[in-house]
Amino acid sequence: MSTTTKAKNVPNLSREEFDRNAGSQIVTIAGKEFLAGAKEFSTGSLGWGLNDSFLTTINGVAVKVQVGMNLTIANTKDLPARVLTPAIIAKLDGALEAHDAAVAAAETAEAAVVG
């Protein structure tokens, strides 16, 4: 008996393209429209998330309905990790320089006190 494994169809989309272009998705439930925001899930998958509530009636009784919905783009957790862009690297460099300056200032202040 042979088994076959279906190959995953990973979308031709980068995480950065998703970040820039995914926007929100309109979801209609019981005639009410909600906006699901773009997000990266803890699994690494990309998609949209919606957490909200609405009121409806059942047999004349008002009830509050909680909505929790994930709209996941299939196979996106298999996408390559984000690439560090020059802008991100510059921000990291600036943070490191500020950290180094703060450490140097603290060491100088400590030396003056111990001095």
PDB file of N, CA and C in Angstrom:
ATOM      1  N   MET A   1       0.845  -1.183   0.000  1.00  0.00           N
ATOM      2  CA  MET A   1       0.000   0.000   0.000  1.00  0.00           C
ATOM      3  C   MET A   1       0.886   1.239   0.000  1.00  0.00           C
ATOM      4  N   SER A   2       0.678   2.126  -0.933  1.00  0.00           N
ATOM      5  CA  SER A   2       1.488   3.338  -0.999  1.00  0.00           C
ATOM      6  C   SER A   2       0.687   4.525  -0.501  1.00  0.00           C
ATOM      7  N   THR A   3       1.414   5.438   0.059  1.00  0.00           N
ATOM      8  CA  THR A   3       0.768   6.670   0.515  1.00  0.00           C
ATOM      9  C   THR A   3       1.379   7.826  -0.244  1.00  0.00           C
ATOM     10  N   THR A   4       0.565   8.763  -0.577  1.00  0.00           N
ATOM     11  CA  THR A   4       1.064   9.971  -1.240  1.00  0.00           C
ATOM     12  C   THR A   4       0.766  11.160  -0.361  1.00  0.00           C
ATOM     13  N   THR A   5       1.680  12.098  -0.395  1.00  0.00           N
ATOM     14  CA  THR A   5       1.513  13.326   0.363  1.00  0.00           C
ATOM     15  C   THR A   5       1.285  14.460  -0.613  1.00  0.00           C
ATOM     16  N   LYS A   6       0.226  15.178  -0.413  1.00  0.00           N
ATOM     17  CA  LYS A   6      -0.067  16.306  -1.283  1.00  0.00           C
ATOM     18  C   LYS A   6       0.865  17.455  -0.926  1.00  0.00           C
ATOM     19  N   ALA A   7       1.502  18.028  -1.939  1.00  0.00           N
ATOM     20  CA  ALA A   7       2.415  19.154  -1.718  1.00  0.00           C
ATOM     21  C   ALA A   7       1.618  20.379  -1.272  1.00  0.00           C
ATOM     22  N   LYS A   8       2.213  21.132  -0.365  1.00  0.00           N
ATOM     23  CA  LYS A   8       1.565  22.364   0.093  1.00  0.00           C
ATOM     24  C   LYS A   8       1.672  23.435  -0.979  1.00  0.00           C
ATOM     25  N   ASN A   9       0.611  24.166  -1.142  1.00  0.00           N
ATOM     26  CA  ASN A   9       0.582  25.263  -2.101  1.00  0.00           C
ATOM     27  C   ASN A   9       0.839  26.561  -1.341  1.00  0.00           C
ATOM     28  N   VAL A  10       2.125  26.870  -1.123  1.00  0.00           N
ATOM     29  CA  VAL A  10       2.499  28.077  -0.394  1.00  0.00           C
ATOM     30  C   VAL A  10       2.276  29.279  -1.303  1.00  0.00           C
ATOM     31  N   PRO A  11       1.533  30.286  -0.839  1.00  0.00           N
ATOM     32  CA  PRO A  11       1.247  31.450  -1.681  1.00  0.00           C
ATOM     33  C   PRO A  11       2.512  32.206  -2.070  1.00  0.00           C
ATOM     34  N   ASN A  12       2.488  32.782  -3.255  1.00  0.00           N
ATOM     35  CA  ASN A  12       3.601  33.600  -3.730  1.00  0.00           C
ATOM     36  C   ASN A  12       3.419  35.007  -3.162  1.00  0.00           C
ATOM     37  N   LEU A  13       3.684  35.134  -1.861  1.00  0.00           N
ATOM     38  CA  LEU A  13       3.440  36.365  -1.128  1.00  0.00           C
ATOM     39  C   LEU A  13       4.495  36.452  -0.036  1.00  0.00           C
ATOM     40  N   SER A  14       5.081  37.610   0.132  1.00  0.00           N
ATOM     41  CA  SER A  14       6.026  37.762   1.242  1.00  0.00           C
ATOM     42  C   SER A  14       5.280  38.332   2.447  1.00  0.00           C
ATOM     43  N   ARG A  15       5.848  38.155   3.613  1.00  0.00           N
ATOM     44  CA  ARG A  15       5.258  38.713   4.828  1.00  0.00           C
ATOM     45  C   ARG A  15       5.196  40.239   4.733  1.00  0.00           C
ATOM     46  N   GLU A  16       6.221  40.831   4.130  1.00  0.00           N
ATOM     47  CA  GLU A  16       6.253  42.286   3.978  1.00  0.00           C
ATOM     48  C   GLU A  16       5.137  42.767   3.048  1.00  0.00           C
ATOM     49  N   GLU A  17       4.886  42.012   1.967  1.00  0.00           N
ATOM     50  CA  GLU A  17       3.789  42.379   1.056  1.00  0.00           C
ATOM     51  C   GLU A  17       2.454  42.308   1.788  1.00  0.00           C
ATOM     52  N   PHE A  18       2.301  41.283   2.602  1.00  0.00           N
ATOM     53  CA  PHE A  18       1.079  41.162   3.401  1.00  0.00           C
ATOM     54  C   PHE A  18       0.942  42.361   4.327  1.00  0.00           C
ATOM     55  N   ASP A  19       2.024  42.706   5.046  1.00  0.00           N
ATOM     56  CA  ASP A  19       1.990  43.843   5.974  1.00  0.00           C
ATOM     57  C   ASP A  19       1.548  45.127   5.281  1.00  0.00           C
ATOM     58  N   ARG A  20       2.092  45.362   4.087  1.00  0.00           N
ATOM     59  CA  ARG A  20       1.807  46.604   3.370  1.00  0.00           C
ATOM     60  C   ARG A  20       0.429  46.633   2.714  1.00  0.00           C
ATOM     61  N   ASN A  21      -0.085  45.469   2.311  1.00  0.00           N
ATOM     62  CA  ASN A  21      -1.244  45.472   1.419  1.00  0.00           C
ATOM     63  C   ASN A  21      -2.486  44.722   1.898  1.00  0.00           C
ATOM     64  N   ALA A  22      -2.413  44.010   2.989  1.00  0.00           N
ATOM     65  CA  ALA A  22      -3.550  43.160   3.386  1.00  0.00           C
ATOM     66  C   ALA A  22      -4.783  43.963   3.764  1.00  0.00           C
ATOM     67  N   GLY A  23      -4.588  45.082   4.462  1.00  0.00           N
ATOM     68  CA  GLY A  23      -5.741  45.883   4.868  1.00  0.00           C
ATOM     69  C   GLY A  23      -6.691  45.107   5.753  1.00  0.00           C
ATOM     70  N   SER A  24      -7.927  45.531   5.789  1.00  0.00           N
ATOM     71  CA  SER A  24      -8.973  44.859   6.570  1.00  0.00           C
ATOM     72  C   SER A  24      -9.910  44.132   5.627  1.00  0.00           C
ATOM     73  N   GLN A  25     -10.626  43.160   6.182  1.00  0.00           N
ATOM     74  CA  GLN A  25     -11.641  42.425   5.431  1.00  0.00           C
ATOM     75  C   GLN A  25     -12.990  42.673   6.084  1.00  0.00           C
ATOM     76  N   ILE A  26     -14.001  42.897   5.276  1.00  0.00           N
ATOM     77  CA  ILE A  26     -15.353  43.075   5.797  1.00  0.00           C
ATOM     78  C   ILE A  26     -15.996  41.697   5.915  1.00  0.00           C
ATOM     79  N   VAL A  27     -16.519  41.413   7.090  1.00  0.00           N
ATOM     80  CA  VAL A  27     -17.198  40.149   7.358  1.00  0.00           C
ATOM     81  C   VAL A  27     -18.636  40.482   7.743  1.00  0.00           C
ATOM     82  N   THR A  28     -19.590  39.827   7.103  1.00  0.00           N
ATOM     83  CA  THR A  28     -20.997  40.061   7.409  1.00  0.00           C
ATOM     84  C   THR A  28     -21.559  38.855   8.151  1.00  0.00           C
ATOM     85  N   ILE A  29     -22.112  39.121   9.328  1.00  0.00           N
ATOM     86  CA  ILE A  29     -22.728  38.080  10.141  1.00  0.00           C
ATOM     87  C   ILE A  29     -24.106  38.577  10.542  1.00  0.00           C
ATOM     88  N   ALA A  30     -25.108  37.792  10.260  1.00  0.00           N
ATOM     89  CA  ALA A  30     -26.493  38.143  10.608  1.00  0.00           C
ATOM     90  C   ALA A  30     -26.866  39.539  10.110  1.00  0.00           C
ATOM     91  N   GLY A  31     -26.364  39.875   8.919  1.00  0.00           N
ATOM     92  CA  GLY A  31     -26.684  41.163   8.323  1.00  0.00           C
ATOM     93  C   GLY A  31     -25.891  42.336   8.864  1.00  0.00           C
ATOM     94  N   LYS A  32     -24.963  42.065   9.778  1.00  0.00           N
ATOM     95  CA  LYS A  32     -24.149  43.130  10.359  1.00  0.00           C
ATOM     96  C   LYS A  32     -22.720  43.022   9.823  1.00  0.00           C
ATOM     97  N   GLU A  33     -22.124  44.179   9.499  1.00  0.00           N
ATOM     98  CA  GLU A  33     -20.767  44.191   8.961  1.00  0.00           C
ATOM     99  C   GLU A  33     -19.747  44.450  10.060  1.00  0.00           C
ATOM    100  N   PHE A  34     -18.643  43.711  10.004  1.00  0.00           N
ATOM    101  CA  PHE A  34     -17.537  43.848  10.941  1.00  0.00           C
ATOM    102  C   PHE A  34     -16.251  43.949  10.137  1.00  0.00           C
ATOM    103  N   LEU A  35     -15.244  44.623  10.707  1.00  0.00           N
ATOM    104  CA  LEU A  35     -13.932  44.698  10.065  1.00  0.00           C
ATOM    105  C   LEU A  35     -12.972  43.757  10.775  1.00  0.00           C
ATOM    106  N   ALA A  36     -12.395  42.856  10.008  1.00  0.00           N
ATOM    107  CA  ALA A  36     -11.374  41.959  10.534  1.00  0.00           C
ATOM    108  C   ALA A  36     -10.022  42.565  10.167  1.00  0.00           C
ATOM    109  N   GLY A  37      -9.167  42.765  11.161  1.00  0.00           N
ATOM    110  CA  GLY A  37      -7.871  43.396  10.944  1.00  0.00           C
ATOM    111  C   GLY A  37      -6.789  42.394  10.568  1.00  0.00           C
ATOM    112  N   ALA A  38      -5.879  42.828   9.724  1.00  0.00           N
ATOM    113  CA  ALA A  38      -4.763  41.984   9.307  1.00  0.00           C
ATOM    114  C   ALA A  38      -3.884  41.673  10.515  1.00  0.00           C
ATOM    115  N   LYS A  39      -3.370  40.434  10.576  1.00  0.00           N
ATOM    116  CA  LYS A  39      -2.513  40.065  11.697  1.00  0.00           C
ATOM    117  C   LYS A  39      -1.684  38.844  11.356  1.00  0.00           C
ATOM    118  N   GLU A  40      -0.624  38.682  12.142  1.00  0.00           N
ATOM    119  CA  GLU A  40       0.152  37.446  12.090  1.00  0.00           C
ATOM    120  C   GLU A  40      -0.198  36.679  13.357  1.00  0.00           C
ATOM    121  N   PHE A  41      -0.650  35.445  13.185  1.00  0.00           N
ATOM    122  CA  PHE A  41      -1.057  34.624  14.312  1.00  0.00           C
ATOM    123  C   PHE A  41       0.165  34.033  15.012  1.00  0.00           C
ATOM    124  N   SER A  42      -0.015  33.557  16.231  1.00  0.00           N
ATOM    125  CA  SER A  42       1.102  33.009  17.009  1.00  0.00           C
ATOM    126  C   SER A  42       1.732  31.804  16.316  1.00  0.00           C
ATOM    127  N   THR A  43       1.008  31.169  15.419  1.00  0.00           N
ATOM    128  CA  THR A  43       1.538  30.024  14.667  1.00  0.00           C
ATOM    129  C   THR A  43       2.485  30.461  13.557  1.00  0.00           C
ATOM    130  N   GLY A  44       2.462  31.775  13.232  1.00  0.00           N
ATOM    131  CA  GLY A  44       3.234  32.284  12.107  1.00  0.00           C
ATOM    132  C   GLY A  44       2.397  32.453  10.855  1.00  0.00           C
ATOM    133  N   SER A  45       1.170  31.946  10.878  1.00  0.00           N
ATOM    134  CA  SER A  45       0.276  32.109   9.733  1.00  0.00           C
ATOM    135  C   SER A  45      -0.189  33.559   9.638  1.00  0.00           C
ATOM    136  N   LEU A  46      -0.531  33.959   8.416  1.00  0.00           N
ATOM    137  CA  LEU A  46      -1.033  35.308   8.164  1.00  0.00           C
ATOM    138  C   LEU A  46      -2.518  35.260   7.868  1.00  0.00           C
ATOM    139  N   GLY A  47      -3.207  36.343   8.180  1.00  0.00           N
ATOM    140  CA  GLY A  47      -4.626  36.411   7.887  1.00  0.00           C
ATOM    141  C   GLY A  47      -5.257  37.610   8.561  1.00  0.00           C
ATOM    142  N   TRP A  48      -6.488  37.448   8.985  1.00  0.00           N
ATOM    143  CA  TRP A  48      -7.235  38.529   9.605  1.00  0.00           C
ATOM    144  C   TRP A  48      -7.929  37.996  10.851  1.00  0.00           C
ATOM    145  N   GLY A  49      -8.070  38.843  11.844  1.00  0.00           N
ATOM    146  CA  GLY A  49      -8.728  38.443  13.077  1.00  0.00           C
ATOM    147  C   GLY A  49      -9.874  39.373  13.406  1.00  0.00           C
ATOM    148  N   LEU A  50     -10.905  38.811  13.988  1.00  0.00           N
ATOM    149  CA  LEU A  50     -12.084  39.581  14.359  1.00  0.00           C
ATOM    150  C   LEU A  50     -12.544  39.148  15.739  1.00  0.00           C
ATOM    151  N   ASN A  51     -12.655  40.095  16.645  1.00  0.00           N
ATOM    152  CA  ASN A  51     -13.231  39.871  17.969  1.00  0.00           C
ATOM    153  C   ASN A  51     -14.175  41.022  18.242  1.00  0.00           C
ATOM    154  N   ASP A  52     -15.454  40.723  18.362  1.00  0.00           N
ATOM    155  CA  ASP A  52     -16.462  41.761  18.553  1.00  0.00           C
ATOM    156  C   ASP A  52     -17.703  41.108  19.150  1.00  0.00           C
ATOM    157  N   SER A  53     -18.752  41.864  19.245  1.00  0.00           N
ATOM    158  CA  SER A  53     -20.027  41.324  19.714  1.00  0.00           C
ATOM    159  C   SER A  53     -21.152  42.114  19.063  1.00  0.00           C
ATOM    160  N   PHE A  54     -22.350  41.528  19.099  1.00  0.00           N
ATOM    161  CA  PHE A  54     -23.524  42.229  18.595  1.00  0.00           C
ATOM    162  C   PHE A  54     -24.755  41.696  19.313  1.00  0.00           C
ATOM    163  N   LEU A  55     -25.818  42.460  19.228  1.00  0.00           N
ATOM    164  CA  LEU A  55     -27.083  42.054  19.824  1.00  0.00           C
ATOM    165  C   LEU A  55     -28.009  41.500  18.754  1.00  0.00           C
ATOM    166  N   THR A  56     -28.731  40.463  19.104  1.00  0.00           N
ATOM    167  CA  THR A  56     -29.760  39.917  18.228  1.00  0.00           C
ATOM    168  C   THR A  56     -30.897  39.449  19.123  1.00  0.00           C
ATOM    169  N   THR A  57     -31.982  39.028  18.517  1.00  0.00           N
ATOM    170  CA  THR A  57     -33.103  38.534  19.320  1.00  0.00           C
ATOM    171  C   THR A  57     -33.439  37.106  18.937  1.00  0.00           C
ATOM    172  N   ILE A  58     -33.830  36.353  19.936  1.00  0.00           N
ATOM    173  CA  ILE A  58     -34.310  34.986  19.730  1.00  0.00           C
ATOM    174  C   ILE A  58     -35.679  34.912  20.396  1.00  0.00           C
ATOM    175  N   ASN A  59     -36.712  34.714  19.567  1.00  0.00           N
ATOM    176  CA  ASN A  59     -38.076  34.617  20.090  1.00  0.00           C
ATOM    177  C   ASN A  59     -38.417  35.829  20.953  1.00  0.00           C
ATOM    178  N   GLY A  60     -37.973  37.025  20.493  1.00  0.00           N
ATOM    179  CA  GLY A  60     -38.283  38.254  21.200  1.00  0.00           C
ATOM    180  C   GLY A  60     -37.361  38.575  22.367  1.00  0.00           C
ATOM    181  N   VAL A  61     -36.401  37.735  22.629  1.00  0.00           N
ATOM    182  CA  VAL A  61     -35.468  37.938  23.743  1.00  0.00           C
ATOM    183  C   VAL A  61     -34.137  38.443  23.178  1.00  0.00           C
ATOM    184  N   ALA A  62     -33.676  39.594  23.678  1.00  0.00           N
ATOM    185  CA  ALA A  62     -32.392  40.148  23.226  1.00  0.00           C
ATOM    186  C   ALA A  62     -31.247  39.339  23.824  1.00  0.00           C
ATOM    187  N   VAL A  63     -30.298  38.968  22.972  1.00  0.00           N
ATOM    188  CA  VAL A  63     -29.113  38.243  23.435  1.00  0.00           C
ATOM    189  C   VAL A  63     -27.869  38.868  22.827  1.00  0.00           C
ATOM    190  N   LYS A  64     -26.801  38.851  23.602  1.00  0.00           N
ATOM    191  CA  LYS A  64     -25.515  39.355  23.115  1.00  0.00           C
ATOM    192  C   LYS A  64     -24.738  38.173  22.537  1.00  0.00           C
ATOM    193  N   VAL A  65     -24.211  38.355  21.332  1.00  0.00           N
ATOM    194  CA  VAL A  65     -23.450  37.313  20.652  1.00  0.00           C
ATOM    195  C   VAL A  65     -21.996  37.738  20.569  1.00  0.00           C
ATOM    196  N   GLN A  66     -21.091  36.915  21.054  1.00  0.00           N
ATOM    197  CA  GLN A  66     -19.651  37.157  20.950  1.00  0.00           C
ATOM    198  C   GLN A  66     -19.145  36.567  19.637  1.00  0.00           C
ATOM    199  N   VAL A  67     -18.343  37.323  18.934  1.00  0.00           N
ATOM    200  CA  VAL A  67     -17.754  36.874  17.681  1.00  0.00           C
ATOM    201  C   VAL A  67     -16.249  36.768  17.872  1.00  0.00           C
ATOM    202  N   GLY A  68     -15.711  35.601  17.618  1.00  0.00           N
ATOM    203  CA  GLY A  68     -14.267  35.387  17.604  1.00  0.00           C
ATOM    204  C   GLY A  68     -13.956  34.621  16.338  1.00  0.00           C
ATOM    205  N   MET A  69     -13.254  35.257  15.413  1.00  0.00           N
ATOM    206  CA  MET A  69     -13.052  34.630  14.108  1.00  0.00           C
ATOM    207  C   MET A  69     -11.636  34.870  13.603  1.00  0.00           C
ATOM    208  N   ASN A  70     -11.016  33.806  13.125  1.00  0.00           N
ATOM    209  CA  ASN A  70      -9.726  33.906  12.442  1.00  0.00           C
ATOM    210  C   ASN A  70      -9.942  33.551  10.980  1.00  0.00           C
ATOM    211  N   LEU A  71      -9.448  34.397  10.100  1.00  0.00           N
ATOM    212  CA  LEU A  71      -9.459  34.137   8.656  1.00  0.00           C
ATOM    213  C   LEU A  71      -8.000  33.922   8.282  1.00  0.00           C
ATOM    214  N   THR A  72      -7.617  32.687   8.084  1.00  0.00           N
ATOM    215  CA  THR A  72      -6.212  32.341   7.892  1.00  0.00           C
ATOM    216  C   THR A  72      -5.930  32.041   6.429  1.00  0.00           C
ATOM    217  N   ILE A  73      -4.866  32.639   5.889  1.00  0.00           N
ATOM    218  CA  ILE A  73      -4.429  32.325   4.532  1.00  0.00           C
ATOM    219  C   ILE A  73      -3.681  30.996   4.605  1.00  0.00           C
ATOM    220  N   ALA A  74      -4.177  30.005   3.887  1.00  0.00           N
ATOM    221  CA  ALA A  74      -3.619  28.655   3.954  1.00  0.00           C
ATOM    222  C   ALA A  74      -2.118  28.641   3.629  1.00  0.00           C
ATOM    223  N   ASN A  75      -1.390  27.867   4.419  1.00  0.00           N
ATOM    224  CA  ASN A  75       0.038  27.580   4.215  1.00  0.00           C
ATOM    225  C   ASN A  75       0.964  28.773   4.379  1.00  0.00           C
ATOM    226  N   THR A  76       0.506  29.867   4.969  1.00  0.00           N
ATOM    227  CA  THR A  76       1.387  31.028   5.117  1.00  0.00           C
ATOM    228  C   THR A  76       2.377  30.876   6.259  1.00  0.00           C
ATOM    229  N   LYS A  77       2.147  29.938   7.174  1.00  0.00           N
ATOM    230  CA  LYS A  77       3.153  29.765   8.227  1.00  0.00           C
ATOM    231  C   LYS A  77       4.447  29.202   7.642  1.00  0.00           C
ATOM    232  N   ASP A  78       4.374  28.674   6.426  1.00  0.00           N
ATOM    233  CA  ASP A  78       5.554  28.145   5.757  1.00  0.00           C
ATOM    234  C   ASP A  78       6.313  29.198   4.953  1.00  0.00           C
ATOM    235  N   LEU A  79       5.822  30.447   4.959  1.00  0.00           N
ATOM    236  CA  LEU A  79       6.524  31.527   4.253  1.00  0.00           C
ATOM    237  C   LEU A  79       7.848  31.820   4.943  1.00  0.00           C
ATOM    238  N   PRO A  80       8.844  32.289   4.197  1.00  0.00           N
ATOM    239  CA  PRO A  80      10.114  32.685   4.824  1.00  0.00           C
ATOM    240  C   PRO A  80       9.891  33.804   5.845  1.00  0.00           C
ATOM    241  N   ALA A  81      10.785  33.858   6.805  1.00  0.00           N
ATOM    242  CA  ALA A  81      10.717  34.896   7.838  1.00  0.00           C
ATOM    243  C   ALA A  81      10.870  36.269   7.200  1.00  0.00           C
ATOM    244  N   ARG A  82      10.469  37.286   7.951  1.00  0.00           N
ATOM    245  CA  ARG A  82      10.610  38.660   7.472  1.00  0.00           C
ATOM    246  C   ARG A  82      12.090  38.990   7.251  1.00  0.00           C
ATOM    247  N   VAL A  83      12.322  39.827   6.267  1.00  0.00           N
ATOM    248  CA  VAL A  83      13.662  40.287   5.955  1.00  0.00           C
ATOM    249  C   VAL A  83      13.898  41.607   6.685  1.00  0.00           C
ATOM    250  N   LEU A  84      15.075  41.760   7.258  1.00  0.00           N
ATOM    251  CA  LEU A  84      15.405  43.039   7.891  1.00  0.00           C
ATOM    252  C   LEU A  84      15.697  44.054   6.801  1.00  0.00           C
ATOM    253  N   THR A  85      14.899  45.076   6.738  1.00  0.00           N
ATOM    254  CA  THR A  85      15.077  46.127   5.748  1.00  0.00           C
ATOM    255  C   THR A  85      16.102  47.139   6.262  1.00  0.00           C
ATOM    256  N   PRO A  86      16.673  47.944   5.384  1.00  0.00           N
ATOM    257  CA  PRO A  86      17.602  48.981   5.839  1.00  0.00           C
ATOM    258  C   PRO A  86      16.991  49.910   6.884  1.00  0.00           C
ATOM    259  N   ALA A  87      15.714  50.219   6.760  1.00  0.00           N
ATOM    260  CA  ALA A  87      15.064  51.102   7.738  1.00  0.00           C
ATOM    261  C   ALA A  87      15.014  50.436   9.114  1.00  0.00           C
ATOM    262  N   ILE A  88      14.719  49.152   9.146  1.00  0.00           N
ATOM    263  CA  ILE A  88      14.675  48.432  10.423  1.00  0.00           C
ATOM    264  C   ILE A  88      16.079  48.339  11.017  1.00  0.00           C
ATOM    265  N   ILE A  89      17.061  48.058  10.173  1.00  0.00           N
ATOM    266  CA  ILE A  89      18.448  47.966  10.649  1.00  0.00           C
ATOM    267  C   ILE A  89      18.897  49.308  11.222  1.00  0.00           C
ATOM    268  N   ALA A  90      18.534  50.418  10.557  1.00  0.00           N
ATOM    269  CA  ALA A  90      18.901  51.751  11.052  1.00  0.00           C
ATOM    270  C   ALA A  90      18.279  52.009  12.420  1.00  0.00           C
ATOM    271  N   LYS A  91      17.013  51.611  12.605  1.00  0.00           N
ATOM    272  CA  LYS A  91      16.364  51.785  13.905  1.00  0.00           C
ATOM    273  C   LYS A  91      17.065  50.957  14.974  1.00  0.00           C
ATOM    274  N   LEU A  92      17.433  49.728  14.641  1.00  0.00           N
ATOM    275  CA  LEU A  92      18.136  48.872  15.597  1.00  0.00           C
ATOM    276  C   LEU A  92      19.504  49.454  15.941  1.00  0.00           C
ATOM    277  N   ASP A  93      20.210  49.959  14.927  1.00  0.00           N
ATOM    278  CA  ASP A  93      21.518  50.591  15.167  1.00  0.00           C
ATOM    279  C   ASP A  93      21.374  51.793  16.095  1.00  0.00           C
ATOM    280  N   GLY A  94      20.352  52.613  15.857  1.00  0.00           N
ATOM    281  CA  GLY A  94      20.110  53.777  16.707  1.00  0.00           C
ATOM    282  C   GLY A  94      19.816  53.372  18.140  1.00  0.00           C
ATOM    283  N   ALA A  95      19.038  52.317  18.310  1.00  0.00           N
ATOM    284  CA  ALA A  95      18.715  51.842  19.658  1.00  0.00           C
ATOM    285  C   ALA A  95      19.968  51.313  20.350  1.00  0.00           C
ATOM    286  N   LEU A  96      20.813  50.609  19.609  1.00  0.00           N
ATOM    287  CA  LEU A  96      22.057  50.099  20.196  1.00  0.00           C
ATOM    288  C   LEU A  96      22.991  51.239  20.587  1.00  0.00           C
ATOM    289  N   GLU A  97      23.094  52.257  19.748  1.00  0.00           N
ATOM    290  CA  GLU A  97      23.941  53.411  20.071  1.00  0.00           C
ATOM    291  C   GLU A  97      23.432  54.126  21.317  1.00  0.00           C
ATOM    292  N   ALA A  98      22.106  54.294  21.425  1.00  0.00           N
ATOM    293  CA  ALA A  98      21.530  54.932  22.610  1.00  0.00           C
ATOM    294  C   ALA A  98      21.792  54.094  23.852  1.00  0.00           C
ATOM    295  N   HIS A  99      21.681  52.786  23.719  1.00  0.00           N
ATOM    296  CA  HIS A  99      21.959  51.882  24.845  1.00  0.00           C
ATOM    297  C   HIS A  99      23.415  52.000  25.272  1.00  0.00           C
ATOM    298  N   ASP A 100      24.330  51.962  24.299  1.00  0.00           N
ATOM    299  CA  ASP A 100      25.757  52.066  24.613  1.00  0.00           C
ATOM    300  C   ASP A 100      26.074  53.397  25.297  1.00  0.00           C
ATOM    301  N   ALA A 101      25.460  54.474  24.845  1.00  0.00           N
ATOM    302  CA  ALA A 101      25.678  55.790  25.452  1.00  0.00           C
ATOM    303  C   ALA A 101      25.159  55.813  26.886  1.00  0.00           C
ATOM    304  N   ALA A 102      24.009  55.208  27.123  1.00  0.00           N
ATOM    305  CA  ALA A 102      23.449  55.160  28.476  1.00  0.00           C
ATOM    306  C   ALA A 102      24.332  54.336  29.400  1.00  0.00           C
ATOM    307  N   VAL A 103      24.862  53.219  28.911  1.00  0.00           N
ATOM    308  CA  VAL A 103      25.757  52.386  29.721  1.00  0.00           C
ATOM    309  C   VAL A 103      27.028  53.162  30.054  1.00  0.00           C
ATOM    310  N   ALA A 104      27.596  53.844  29.061  1.00  0.00           N
ATOM    311  CA  ALA A 104      28.811  54.635  29.289  1.00  0.00           C
ATOM    312  C   ALA A 104      28.556  55.731  30.321  1.00  0.00           C
ATOM    313  N   ALA A 105      27.415  56.406  30.232  1.00  0.00           N
ATOM    314  CA  ALA A 105      27.079  57.462  31.185  1.00  0.00           C
ATOM    315  C   ALA A 105      26.915  56.888  32.590  1.00  0.00           C
ATOM    316  N   ALA A 106      26.296  55.730  32.692  1.00  0.00           N
ATOM    317  CA  ALA A 106      26.111  55.091  34.003  1.00  0.00           C
ATOM    318  C   ALA A 106      27.466  54.681  34.596  1.00  0.00           C
ATOM    319  N   GLU A 107      28.335  54.162  33.765  1.00  0.00           N
ATOM    320  CA  GLU A 107      29.671  53.765  34.240  1.00  0.00           C
ATOM    321  C   GLU A 107      30.461  54.984  34.700  1.00  0.00           C
ATOM    322  N   THR A 108      30.349  56.103  33.958  1.00  0.00           N
ATOM    323  CA  THR A 108      31.038  57.326  34.347  1.00  0.00           C
ATOM    324  C   THR A 108      30.496  57.849  35.674  1.00  0.00           C
ATOM    325  N   ALA A 109      29.172  57.836  35.820  1.00  0.00           N
ATOM    326  CA  ALA A 109      28.556  58.295  37.062  1.00  0.00           C
ATOM    327  C   ALA A 109      28.960  57.392  38.226  1.00  0.00           C
ATOM    328  N   GLU A 110      29.018  56.107  38.009  1.00  0.00           N
ATOM    329  CA  GLU A 110      29.421  55.177  39.072  1.00  0.00           C
ATOM    330  C   GLU A 110      30.868  55.389  39.457  1.00  0.00           C
ATOM    331  N   ALA A 111      31.720  55.622  38.473  1.00  0.00           N
ATOM    332  CA  ALA A 111      33.144  55.857  38.751  1.00  0.00           C
ATOM    333  C   ALA A 111      33.317  57.136  39.570  1.00  0.00           C
ATOM    334  N   ALA A 112      32.504  58.167  39.283  1.00  0.00           N
ATOM    335  CA  ALA A 112      32.600  59.417  40.028  1.00  0.00           C
ATOM    336  C   ALA A 112      32.174  59.236  41.468  1.00  0.00           C
ATOM    337  N   VAL A 113      31.181  58.399  41.698  1.00  0.00           N
ATOM    338  CA  VAL A 113      30.690  58.146  43.058  1.00  0.00           C
ATOM    339  C   VAL A 113      31.692  57.308  43.821  1.00  0.00           C
ATOM    340  N   VAL A 114      32.217  56.262  43.195  1.00  0.00           N
ATOM    341  CA  VAL A 114      33.156  55.345  43.854  1.00  0.00           C
ATOM    342  C   VAL A 114      34.508  56.047  44.023  1.00  0.00           C
ATOM    343  N   GLY A 115      34.893  56.816  43.002  1.00  0.00           N
ATOM    344  CA  GLY A 115      36.079  57.564  42.822  1.00  0.00           C
ATOM    345  C   GLY A 115      37.019  57.845  43.824  1.00  0.00           C
TER     346      GLY A 115
END
